[in-house]
Amino acid sequence: MEFFLLVVFPILMAVVVFLLQQEDFKKIILLLTSSVHLFVTIVLWKNPHDFQLNSFLGFDAASQLVLTFISILFFVVSIYLIGYLKEKKRGADKVFMVCLLCLLAGMTLVTMSRHMGLLWIAIASTTLLSAPLINHDRTPQSIEATWKYLLISSLGIALGLLGTLFLAISATPIKTIFLGDILNNAAFLSPSWLKLSVIFLLVGYGTKMGLAPMHTWKPDAYGEAPPPVGALMSGALTGCAFLAIFRVAQICFHAHLQEFVSPIFVLLGILSLGIAAIFILGQKDFHRMLGYSSVEHMGILVLGLGLGGTAIWASLFHLVNNAFAKGLIFLVAGNLYQNFRSKKVENIQAAVHKLPITGIFLIVGLLVITGFPPFGIFYSELLILKEAIMTQRYVLVFFYLLFLSVIFFGYAKIILGMALGKAPDNTARETQKETFFMIVPLVILIVILFFSGVLVPNSLYNLIDQATALLGER
């Protein structure tokens, strides 16, 4: 029943949407499907966090954590889309709505996969389903960004397939690549084939995640995708890719290859932070800047995995807060674009005066994504810094603080200018009203961020503890 409601039901609703003509009904079905998905996801919390539906499908603490924020974020975005699509000339076209619903099913399948081959298939499906969403506006720039996304991501998926094949070769004595069997018999894996597999899997899934130097598709795709799609890609899709990386880390830790994989995680993490710091400075396109912001936070996630200890807990905690923070800032970007009809920083000025509520949320979004207290990203970044200091990696500490400081300066200069700067003299456009569907999703996300950062529920703490324990930590 869980599989039907979480995976099959969204696909069936996608078929219904394809057959419908009335746009209002399409939006209702989208909201209904996301509501059912969220309800079932919440009900799953009553079950133990480690249970199997069958040999191929099941949940553990990590997959349930990812599924939860995917479901919540998709529900919030579905509310936002009711108002957003009303303002678009293309409206709720069939391809867009069908791909959205199927993408929800694909992301859910990623979290439920207990077979490394099925995990690869699910990741590949999310790549194909998200491509038409990037090209929703059908401009020359969005078409170019879509093809770049497809080409680079497809290369990453191909490398991921090779990695999965090498994993199967390393698991020849086990004769299976079911995740549970691999973890229980990790001592029998061929170390040389497993190391080769890890390299290909990290590059493949790292491309999907947007880690440097495989990040080059990200600024273009996020720059041209509709902001609600950007919210899902940066908050939910990257969570799916991180879960795949987490599975690789699980296998390595159980096979006692932590010393092999951890330096790779640290290198990819600090490199991603450095690339983000360089390109955020002087960025003139707000949406592209958010793409580099995602590169930064993906780097922080794998850096935490590489440091080990309490940094792994911090990485998972960061994963949750980053998902909702990216959802917030992308939806704010959507409100700004609806009014200013531009993504250029120089054209988006005095937002607090023209759109008071959105302008305030823009400033709050700055505080959230830069790790300002009391939000959860501050806590996770601090824990990662603490682990680096405790393990006496002082060079890493220096670059970590340097890159975060540069990124904060770049964010603050751009966003505060957009929110509080003086509007150009030639902007005589009539200001649109901030409608219910433009504001309510922002309120929901900021409430979630407050609770996930300040009043963290014990159930969330416990779930992250259990997910961390999957790597043999804490």
Protein backbone atom coordinates (compact mmCIF):
# COMPACT_ATOMS: atom_id res chain seq x y z
CA MET A 1 0.00 0.00 0.00
CA GLU A 2 2.84 2.42 0.82
CA PHE A 3 4.44 1.83 -2.56
CA PHE A 4 1.13 2.37 -4.36
CA LEU A 5 0.33 5.66 -2.61
CA LEU A 6 3.87 7.06 -2.73
CA VAL A 7 4.99 5.98 -6.21
CA VAL A 8 2.15 4.53 -8.30
CA PHE A 9 -0.52 7.06 -7.29
CA PRO A 10 1.46 10.14 -8.52
CA ILE A 11 2.04 8.37 -11.86
CA LEU A 12 -1.68 7.59 -12.19
CA MET A 13 -2.51 11.22 -11.42
CA ALA A 14 0.00 12.25 -14.10
CA VAL A 15 -2.02 10.21 -16.61
CA VAL A 16 -5.22 11.92 -15.44
CA VAL A 17 -3.59 15.35 -15.82
CA PHE A 18 -2.47 14.45 -19.33
CA LEU A 19 -6.06 13.62 -20.30
CA LEU A 20 -7.59 16.70 -18.69
CA GLN A 21 -8.09 20.02 -20.48
CA GLN A 22 -9.09 22.36 -17.62
CA GLU A 23 -6.04 24.00 -16.06
CA ASP A 24 -7.70 24.54 -12.68
CA PHE A 25 -8.34 20.82 -12.31
CA LYS A 26 -4.68 20.10 -13.06
CA LYS A 27 -3.59 22.34 -10.18
CA ILE A 28 -6.14 20.71 -7.86
CA ILE A 29 -4.85 17.25 -8.77
CA LEU A 30 -1.26 18.39 -8.17
CA LEU A 31 -2.16 19.70 -4.72
CA LEU A 32 -4.26 16.61 -3.93
CA THR A 33 -1.45 14.25 -4.94
CA SER A 34 1.13 16.12 -2.90
CA SER A 35 -1.25 16.13 0.09
CA VAL A 36 -1.77 12.36 -0.11
CA HIS A 37 1.98 11.85 -0.45
CA LEU A 38 2.67 14.01 2.60
CA PHE A 39 -0.02 12.26 4.64
CA VAL A 40 1.40 8.81 3.88
CA THR A 41 4.93 10.05 4.63
CA ILE A 42 3.80 11.31 8.03
CA VAL A 43 2.01 8.03 8.76
CA LEU A 44 5.26 6.17 8.02
CA TRP A 45 6.81 7.86 11.06
CA LYS A 46 4.66 5.59 13.22
CA ASN A 47 6.54 2.58 11.86
CA PRO A 48 10.08 1.63 12.87
CA HIS A 49 12.60 3.57 10.82
CA ASP A 50 14.07 0.38 9.36
CA PHE A 51 11.65 -1.91 7.55
CA GLN A 52 11.41 -3.70 4.22
CA LEU A 53 8.45 -3.69 1.82
CA ASN A 54 10.12 -6.40 -0.27
CA SER A 55 13.63 -7.32 -1.42
CA PHE A 56 13.97 -4.22 -3.60
CA LEU A 57 12.09 -1.62 -1.58
CA GLY A 58 12.24 -0.45 2.01
CA PHE A 59 13.19 2.31 4.38
CA ASP A 60 15.89 3.09 6.87
CA ALA A 61 16.47 6.26 8.90
CA ALA A 62 18.40 8.01 6.10
CA SER A 63 15.82 7.31 3.40
CA GLN A 64 12.95 8.32 5.68
CA LEU A 65 14.72 11.57 6.51
CA VAL A 66 15.14 12.41 2.81
CA LEU A 67 11.61 11.31 1.93
CA THR A 68 10.16 13.56 4.62
CA PHE A 69 11.69 16.82 3.43
CA ILE A 70 11.04 15.91 -0.21
CA SER A 71 7.35 15.40 0.55
CA ILE A 72 7.02 18.59 2.60
CA LEU A 73 8.88 20.71 0.05
CA PHE A 74 6.87 19.32 -2.87
CA PHE A 75 3.62 20.07 -1.00
CA VAL A 76 4.71 23.67 -0.36
CA VAL A 77 5.78 24.13 -3.99
CA SER A 78 2.45 22.72 -5.21
CA ILE A 79 0.67 25.45 -3.23
CA TYR A 80 2.96 28.08 -4.71
CA LEU A 81 2.39 26.80 -8.25
CA ILE A 82 -1.34 27.55 -8.01
CA GLY A 83 -0.53 31.25 -8.01
CA TYR A 84 2.65 31.11 -10.06
CA LEU A 85 1.18 29.30 -13.07
CA LYS A 86 -1.75 31.72 -13.11
CA GLU A 87 0.69 34.50 -13.96
CA LYS A 88 2.49 32.54 -16.68
CA LYS A 89 1.43 32.76 -20.29
CA ARG A 90 1.97 29.04 -20.79
CA GLY A 91 -0.01 28.18 -17.68
CA ALA A 92 -0.17 24.65 -16.35
CA ASP A 93 0.69 22.87 -19.60
CA LYS A 94 0.46 19.09 -19.73
CA VAL A 95 4.14 18.30 -20.07
CA PHE A 96 5.05 20.46 -17.08
CA MET A 97 2.42 18.99 -14.75
CA VAL A 98 2.97 15.39 -15.88
CA CYS A 99 6.73 15.68 -15.37
CA LEU A 100 6.23 17.22 -11.92
CA LEU A 101 4.03 14.35 -10.72
CA CYS A 102 6.30 11.70 -12.23
CA LEU A 103 9.31 13.45 -10.70
CA LEU A 104 7.68 13.09 -7.27
CA ALA A 105 7.33 9.35 -7.92
CA GLY A 106 10.94 9.12 -9.15
CA MET A 107 12.38 10.94 -6.13
CA THR A 108 10.33 8.73 -3.82
CA LEU A 109 11.65 5.61 -5.56
CA VAL A 110 15.20 6.83 -4.91
CA THR A 111 14.51 6.92 -1.18
CA MET A 112 12.86 3.48 -1.18
CA SER A 113 15.50 1.66 -3.27
CA ARG A 114 17.33 -1.12 -1.44
CA HIS A 115 19.12 -2.39 -4.55
CA MET A 116 22.02 -0.43 -6.02
CA GLY A 117 20.85 -1.09 -9.57
CA LEU A 118 17.33 0.12 -8.80
CA LEU A 119 18.84 3.18 -7.11
CA TRP A 120 20.70 3.99 -10.33
CA ILE A 121 17.50 3.59 -12.39
CA ALA A 122 15.59 5.89 -10.03
CA ILE A 123 18.33 8.55 -10.14
CA ALA A 124 18.42 8.36 -13.96
CA SER A 125 14.63 8.78 -14.14
CA THR A 126 14.77 11.99 -12.09
CA THR A 127 17.28 13.40 -14.58
CA LEU A 128 15.02 12.74 -17.56
CA LEU A 129 11.89 13.99 -15.79
CA SER A 130 13.43 17.24 -14.56
CA ALA A 131 14.82 18.28 -17.97
CA PRO A 132 11.43 19.39 -19.46
CA LEU A 133 10.78 21.38 -16.27
CA ILE A 134 13.91 23.47 -16.86
CA ASN A 135 12.70 24.25 -20.38
CA HIS A 136 9.21 25.31 -19.30
CA ASP A 137 9.63 28.87 -20.63
CA ARG A 138 11.00 27.58 -23.97
CA THR A 139 13.43 30.44 -24.51
CA PRO A 140 16.74 29.98 -26.36
CA GLN A 141 18.56 30.30 -23.04
CA SER A 142 16.39 27.66 -21.31
CA ILE A 143 16.81 25.26 -24.23
CA GLU A 144 20.58 25.67 -24.04
CA ALA A 145 20.54 25.15 -20.27
CA THR A 146 18.37 22.05 -20.64
CA TRP A 147 20.69 20.44 -23.16
CA LYS A 148 23.72 21.26 -21.03
CA TYR A 149 21.98 19.70 -18.03
CA LEU A 150 21.07 16.59 -20.00
CA LEU A 151 24.52 16.12 -21.53
CA ILE A 152 26.52 16.58 -18.34
CA SER A 153 24.05 14.71 -16.13
CA SER A 154 23.82 11.86 -18.64
CA LEU A 155 27.59 11.55 -18.58
CA GLY A 156 27.43 11.41 -14.81
CA ILE A 157 24.68 8.79 -14.93
CA ALA A 158 26.76 6.72 -17.37
CA LEU A 159 29.72 6.84 -14.99
CA GLY A 160 27.37 5.89 -12.17
CA LEU A 161 26.28 2.85 -14.19
CA LEU A 162 29.91 1.81 -14.64
CA GLY A 163 30.42 2.26 -10.91
CA THR A 164 27.43 0.04 -10.21
CA LEU A 165 28.84 -2.57 -12.59
CA PHE A 166 32.22 -2.49 -10.84
CA LEU A 167 30.40 -2.79 -7.51
CA ALA A 168 28.70 -5.93 -8.80
CA ILE A 169 32.10 -7.35 -9.82
CA SER A 170 33.51 -6.58 -6.38
CA ALA A 171 30.48 -8.36 -4.89
CA THR A 172 31.00 -11.53 -6.97
CA PRO A 173 31.42 -13.71 -3.83
CA ILE A 174 28.10 -12.34 -2.52
CA LYS A 175 26.32 -12.70 -5.90
CA THR A 176 24.01 -9.75 -5.20
CA ILE A 177 24.04 -5.95 -4.97
CA PHE A 178 21.10 -5.62 -2.61
CA LEU A 179 22.18 -2.96 -0.14
CA GLY A 180 21.48 -5.07 2.94
CA ASP A 181 23.46 -8.04 1.59
CA ILE A 182 26.41 -5.83 0.65
CA LEU A 183 26.53 -4.22 4.09
CA ASN A 184 26.21 -7.53 5.93
CA ASN A 185 28.95 -9.14 3.82
CA ALA A 186 31.18 -6.14 3.19
CA ALA A 187 34.26 -8.09 4.32
CA PHE A 188 33.92 -10.32 1.24
CA LEU A 189 33.99 -7.46 -1.27
CA SER A 190 37.03 -7.19 -3.52
CA PRO A 191 38.89 -4.07 -2.24
CA SER A 192 40.46 -3.15 -5.59
CA TRP A 193 37.20 -3.42 -7.56
CA LEU A 194 35.33 -1.65 -4.77
CA LYS A 195 37.76 1.29 -4.83
CA LEU A 196 37.34 1.58 -8.59
CA SER A 197 33.58 1.42 -8.13
CA VAL A 198 33.65 4.16 -5.51
CA ILE A 199 35.55 6.53 -7.81
CA PHE A 200 33.02 6.10 -10.61
CA LEU A 201 30.02 6.29 -8.28
CA LEU A 202 31.27 9.46 -6.59
CA VAL A 203 31.92 11.18 -9.91
CA GLY A 204 28.59 9.97 -11.33
CA TYR A 205 26.35 10.82 -8.40
CA GLY A 206 28.52 13.85 -7.57
CA THR A 207 27.65 15.22 -11.01
CA LYS A 208 23.98 14.81 -10.22
CA MET A 209 24.52 16.46 -6.85
CA GLY A 210 26.44 19.37 -8.40
CA LEU A 211 29.78 18.98 -6.65
CA ALA A 212 32.78 20.80 -8.10
CA PRO A 213 34.30 20.24 -10.59
CA MET A 214 31.20 18.45 -11.99
CA HIS A 215 28.97 21.43 -11.17
CA THR A 216 29.06 23.32 -14.47
CA TRP A 217 25.45 22.54 -15.42
CA LYS A 218 24.07 23.95 -12.20
CA PRO A 219 24.25 27.76 -12.64
CA ASP A 220 22.76 27.48 -16.13
CA ALA A 221 19.96 25.11 -15.15
CA TYR A 222 19.02 27.02 -12.00
CA GLY A 223 19.37 30.30 -13.86
CA GLU A 224 16.79 29.31 -16.51
CA ALA A 225 14.43 26.96 -14.63
CA PRO A 226 11.22 28.45 -13.21
CA PRO A 227 11.88 29.31 -9.55
CA PRO A 228 9.50 26.61 -8.17
CA VAL A 229 11.42 24.04 -10.23
CA GLY A 230 14.67 25.49 -8.89
CA ALA A 231 13.32 25.00 -5.36
CA LEU A 232 12.66 21.31 -6.06
CA MET A 233 15.97 20.75 -7.83
CA SER A 234 18.11 22.45 -5.18
CA GLY A 235 16.13 21.19 -2.19
CA ALA A 236 14.75 17.78 -3.16
CA LEU A 237 16.71 16.43 -6.16
CA THR A 238 20.07 17.19 -4.57
CA GLY A 239 18.83 15.33 -1.48
CA CYS A 240 18.25 12.26 -3.65
CA ALA A 241 21.77 12.53 -5.07
CA PHE A 242 23.21 12.95 -1.58
CA LEU A 243 21.36 9.82 -0.46
CA ALA A 244 23.10 7.92 -3.27
CA ILE A 245 26.46 9.32 -2.06
CA PHE A 246 25.48 8.32 1.48
CA ARG A 247 24.91 4.74 0.28
CA VAL A 248 28.42 4.71 -1.20
CA ALA A 249 29.77 5.94 2.14
CA GLN A 250 27.83 3.20 3.95
CA ILE A 251 29.40 0.51 1.81
CA CYS A 252 32.90 1.96 2.22
CA PHE A 253 32.58 2.33 5.99
CA HIS A 254 31.34 -1.25 6.37
CA ALA A 255 34.18 -2.48 4.11
CA HIS A 256 36.72 -0.59 6.27
CA LEU A 257 37.64 1.76 3.43
CA GLN A 258 36.91 4.92 5.40
CA GLU A 259 40.53 6.06 5.10
CA PHE A 260 40.24 5.72 1.32
CA VAL A 261 36.97 7.56 0.77
CA SER A 262 37.11 10.25 3.47
CA PRO A 263 39.92 12.32 1.86
CA ILE A 264 37.98 12.26 -1.41
CA PHE A 265 34.91 13.64 0.36
CA VAL A 266 37.00 16.35 2.03
CA LEU A 267 38.63 17.33 -1.27
CA LEU A 268 35.32 17.52 -3.16
CA GLY A 269 33.76 19.46 -0.29
CA ILE A 270 36.40 22.15 0.07
CA LEU A 271 36.76 22.46 -3.71
CA SER A 272 33.02 23.07 -4.03
CA LEU A 273 33.22 25.76 -1.35
CA GLY A 274 36.13 27.41 -3.13
CA ILE A 275 34.42 27.42 -6.54
CA ALA A 276 31.25 28.88 -5.00
CA ALA A 277 33.25 31.61 -3.22
CA ILE A 278 34.98 32.64 -6.45
CA PHE A 279 31.91 32.80 -8.67
CA ILE A 280 29.43 34.29 -6.18
CA LEU A 281 31.54 37.43 -5.96
CA GLY A 282 30.38 39.88 -8.57
CA GLN A 283 27.53 37.65 -9.76
CA LYS A 284 25.03 39.70 -11.79
CA ASP A 285 22.26 37.12 -12.17
CA PHE A 286 20.35 36.31 -8.97
CA HIS A 287 19.19 32.87 -10.10
CA ARG A 288 22.70 31.84 -11.19
CA MET A 289 23.97 32.99 -7.81
CA LEU A 290 21.54 30.56 -6.19
CA GLY A 291 23.05 27.85 -8.37
CA TYR A 292 26.49 28.55 -6.91
CA SER A 293 24.90 28.67 -3.47
CA SER A 294 23.75 25.10 -4.03
CA VAL A 295 27.29 24.10 -5.03
CA GLU A 296 28.49 25.58 -1.73
CA HIS A 297 26.02 23.68 0.41
CA MET A 298 26.57 20.40 -1.43
CA GLY A 299 30.24 20.86 -0.63
CA ILE A 300 29.43 21.30 3.06
CA LEU A 301 27.41 18.07 3.03
CA VAL A 302 30.20 15.87 1.67
CA LEU A 303 32.79 17.69 3.77
CA GLY A 304 30.88 16.58 6.85
CA LEU A 305 30.85 12.99 5.60
CA GLY A 306 34.59 13.14 5.02
CA LEU A 307 35.44 14.51 8.48
CA GLY A 308 33.45 11.81 10.25
CA GLY A 309 32.43 11.84 13.91
CA THR A 310 29.90 14.50 14.86
CA ALA A 311 30.37 16.11 11.43
CA ILE A 312 28.31 13.28 9.91
CA TRP A 313 25.40 14.15 12.19
CA ALA A 314 25.92 17.81 11.25
CA SER A 315 25.91 16.91 7.55
CA LEU A 316 22.52 15.19 7.81
CA PHE A 317 21.14 18.05 9.89
CA HIS A 318 22.47 20.46 7.26
CA LEU A 319 20.77 18.42 4.55
CA VAL A 320 17.35 19.02 6.09
CA ASN A 321 17.81 22.72 6.74
CA ASN A 322 19.38 23.37 3.34
CA ALA A 323 16.37 21.79 1.59
CA PHE A 324 13.90 24.17 3.20
CA ALA A 325 16.26 27.16 3.00
CA LYS A 326 16.68 26.66 -0.75
CA GLY A 327 12.93 26.25 -1.10
CA LEU A 328 12.43 29.58 0.67
CA ILE A 329 14.97 31.59 -1.30
CA PHE A 330 13.89 30.18 -4.69
CA LEU A 331 10.23 30.97 -4.03
CA VAL A 332 11.26 34.47 -2.98
CA ALA A 333 13.13 34.67 -6.29
CA GLY A 334 9.89 33.65 -8.01
CA ASN A 335 8.00 36.50 -6.39
CA LEU A 336 10.70 38.96 -7.40
CA TYR A 337 10.71 37.74 -10.99
CA GLN A 338 6.92 37.97 -11.23
CA ASN A 339 7.16 41.63 -10.32
CA PHE A 340 10.44 42.88 -11.79
CA ARG A 341 10.42 40.56 -14.84
CA SER A 342 14.18 40.26 -14.58
CA LYS A 343 16.81 38.03 -12.99
CA LYS A 344 19.51 40.68 -13.16
CA VAL A 345 20.59 42.01 -9.79
CA GLU A 346 20.82 45.57 -11.10
CA ASN A 347 17.15 45.47 -12.15
CA ILE A 348 15.89 44.14 -8.82
CA GLN A 349 16.26 46.98 -6.34
CA ALA A 350 14.25 48.36 -3.42
CA ALA A 351 12.34 45.08 -3.04
CA VAL A 352 11.37 45.93 0.54
CA HIS A 353 9.58 49.05 -0.69
CA LYS A 354 7.89 47.52 -3.73
CA LEU A 355 7.08 44.11 -2.22
CA PRO A 356 7.30 44.57 1.56
CA ILE A 357 6.59 40.99 2.64
CA THR A 358 8.71 39.39 -0.07
CA GLY A 359 11.49 41.89 0.63
CA ILE A 360 11.55 40.92 4.30
CA PHE A 361 11.65 37.23 3.38
CA LEU A 362 14.54 38.02 1.02
CA ILE A 363 16.56 39.39 3.93
CA VAL A 364 15.55 36.44 6.13
CA GLY A 365 16.59 34.13 3.30
CA LEU A 366 20.03 35.78 3.35
CA LEU A 367 20.35 35.04 7.08
CA VAL A 368 19.24 31.44 6.60
CA ILE A 369 21.47 30.40 3.70
CA THR A 370 24.56 32.12 5.12
CA GLY A 371 24.30 30.22 8.39
CA PHE A 372 23.26 33.07 10.65
CA PRO A 373 22.02 32.10 14.13
CA PRO A 374 19.53 30.92 15.28
CA PHE A 375 18.86 28.97 12.08
CA GLY A 376 19.94 25.34 11.78
CA ILE A 377 22.57 25.90 9.07
CA PHE A 378 24.60 27.91 11.60
CA TYR A 379 24.57 24.96 14.00
CA SER A 380 25.57 22.39 11.38
CA GLU A 381 28.38 24.54 9.97
CA LEU A 382 29.66 25.13 13.51
CA LEU A 383 29.69 21.41 14.27
CA ILE A 384 31.63 20.70 11.09
CA LEU A 385 34.13 23.42 12.04
CA LYS A 386 34.42 21.92 15.53
CA GLU A 387 35.16 18.45 14.13
CA ALA A 388 37.84 19.87 11.83
CA ILE A 389 39.48 21.64 14.79
CA MET A 390 39.24 18.58 17.04
CA THR A 391 40.95 16.44 14.39
CA GLN A 392 43.67 19.11 14.03
CA ARG A 393 43.07 19.81 10.34
CA TYR A 394 44.06 23.44 10.66
CA VAL A 395 44.71 24.08 6.96
CA LEU A 396 41.22 22.81 6.23
CA VAL A 397 39.84 25.04 9.02
CA PHE A 398 41.54 28.07 7.44
CA PHE A 399 40.10 27.49 3.97
CA TYR A 400 36.70 26.54 5.37
CA LEU A 401 36.42 29.82 7.28
CA LEU A 402 37.92 31.81 4.41
CA PHE A 403 35.50 30.48 1.81
CA LEU A 404 32.46 30.86 4.08
CA SER A 405 33.47 34.45 4.85
CA VAL A 406 33.88 35.32 1.17
CA ILE A 407 30.54 33.69 0.35
CA PHE A 408 28.81 35.60 3.14
CA PHE A 409 30.26 38.88 1.85
CA GLY A 410 29.12 38.08 -1.68
CA TYR A 411 25.60 37.12 -0.58
CA ALA A 412 25.22 40.16 1.66
CA LYS A 413 26.38 42.63 -0.99
CA ILE A 414 23.99 41.26 -3.62
CA ILE A 415 20.91 40.53 -1.53
CA LEU A 416 21.00 43.62 0.68
CA GLY A 417 21.38 45.72 -2.46
CA MET A 418 18.35 44.03 -3.99
CA ALA A 419 16.29 44.46 -0.84
CA LEU A 420 17.30 47.94 0.28
CA GLY A 421 18.96 49.56 -2.74
CA LYS A 422 17.59 52.49 -4.67
CA ALA A 423 15.33 51.57 -7.58
CA PRO A 424 16.53 52.66 -11.04
CA ASP A 425 14.81 55.75 -12.42
CA ASN A 426 13.49 53.88 -15.47
CA THR A 427 11.44 51.34 -13.49
CA ALA A 428 7.93 52.64 -13.81
CA ARG A 429 6.21 49.23 -13.84
CA GLU A 430 3.15 48.92 -11.73
CA THR A 431 3.79 46.86 -8.63
CA GLN A 432 1.77 43.66 -8.43
CA LYS A 433 0.01 42.63 -5.26
CA GLU A 434 1.53 39.93 -3.09
CA THR A 435 -1.17 37.30 -3.34
CA PHE A 436 -2.09 34.53 -0.91
CA PHE A 437 -0.30 31.86 -2.94
CA MET A 438 2.83 34.01 -3.17
CA ILE A 439 3.16 34.47 0.59
CA VAL A 440 1.71 31.43 2.40
CA PRO A 441 4.40 29.00 1.12
CA LEU A 442 7.09 31.39 2.39
CA VAL A 443 5.44 31.51 5.81
CA ILE A 444 5.24 27.71 5.96
CA LEU A 445 8.91 27.33 5.09
CA ILE A 446 10.12 29.92 7.59
CA VAL A 447 8.09 28.24 10.34
CA ILE A 448 9.66 24.89 9.41
CA LEU A 449 13.14 26.46 9.40
CA PHE A 450 12.48 27.96 12.84
CA PHE A 451 11.48 24.61 14.29
CA SER A 452 14.27 22.71 12.54
CA GLY A 453 16.85 25.19 13.80
CA VAL A 454 15.64 26.43 17.18
CA LEU A 455 12.91 24.15 18.54
CA VAL A 456 14.14 20.92 16.98
CA PRO A 457 11.66 18.09 17.66
CA ASN A 458 13.11 15.11 19.51
CA SER A 459 11.81 12.85 16.76
CA LEU A 460 14.02 14.64 14.21
CA TYR A 461 17.05 14.45 16.49
CA ASN A 462 16.47 10.74 17.00
CA LEU A 463 16.00 10.09 13.28
CA ILE A 464 19.28 11.86 12.44
CA ASP A 465 21.00 9.89 15.23
CA GLN A 466 19.75 6.65 13.68
CA ALA A 467 20.81 7.75 10.19
CA THR A 468 24.27 8.63 11.50
CA ALA A 469 24.51 5.21 13.13
CA LEU A 470 24.11 3.62 9.68
CA LEU A 471 27.71 4.71 9.06
CA GLY A 472 28.80 3.31 12.40
CA GLU A 473 29.09 6.76 14.00
CA ARG A 474 27.67 8.13 17.27
